[in-house]
Amino acid sequence: MPTPMSTPRLQLTTTGARSGQEHTVTLGFRRRPDDGAPLIVASDGDRSRLPDWYGDVLAHPMVRVQLDGETFAAIAVPYAPAAPVESAAGESSDQPAAGESPDPAVALKRIEPQENEGDGAPPQRIDTLAAKLLEVHTWLRAQLRHLRTEADAHLAALADHQGSGEPPAPGLGMQIRQHCLAFCDSLAFHHSSEDAHLFPAMADHHPHLREALDRLREEHLTVARLKDGLLALLADAGRSGSAQPQRFRAELDRMNSELLAHLDYEEESLLPALAEIPWPPAPPAAE
């Protein structure tokens, strides 16, 4: 086993489950065997309680990770290994004694800045506000597509189960839950930022777009109601210990229809004007 001094470390920045404020902690980590993702163990050493950051990532899965001089965004997903987890030094982790439950572990799945639509196209250069908006929209589309694929796979596993073996869990699963929370948090942040900053500025500088901006604001409200419906299903699952995968999948279909139409209309309406605005913004001129 590596000594404490040789254990690799990372910095994890979470959003407080109650406060909504950012908190940063330094943690040791290992690598997930299947894909090498950083894996952190939720333990205070004596197994008496779970650390605060674990409750934070269950409430807000979007986190920031600083590792090897690099900072990147990630989605935190609780991880239940089928075999001992390897340390960064290639050795097996300590296993709990007989009768003890293992400490929960969390995998940090890195979020790539751009995820294309599967056409093999290289990432686009982000040098205008139009390109930045497309980057965000591409990520939202990719995450929604990923969520629907995960839900389909879960429903197919439930339908295909036969025999006496253990069936898939009847609920939605922790991975689907965390990805859905991360998607909803990102969607809410994006739309609230547009309502508070982008749309008022666009209305001032491009009066001919005010009708389109009013429509986009109304569509934000529709999408927000659908988002709240998904979150309510997740909250019910957390309270009762069960979920309704078929209903969840139906709500995802509604979200898919409304959100994709909204994103398409926003791009059609705003991209020509946004293409004239450099990104990142130029610093203010010195007086």
Foldseek 3Di string as FASTA:
>chain_A
DDDPVPFFKKKKWFQQLPPRDIDIDIFGWFAAVPPGFTKGFQDPPPNPDGDRVVVRCLRAQWMWMQHPNDIFIWGKFWDDDPDFGAGNVRHGDDDDDPPDDGTIMITTGTDDQADAPPPPDDQDDAWFQLSVLVSLLRSLLVLLVVLLVLLVVLVVQQVPDDDDDDGPAQASDRVSSRSLSNSLVSLVVVLVCCVVPVLVVCCVVPVVCVVVSVVLNVLSVVLNVLSVVLVVQVVVCVVPVHGDSVVNSVSSVVNSVSVVVSSVSCSVRPSVVRRVGTPPHDDDDDD
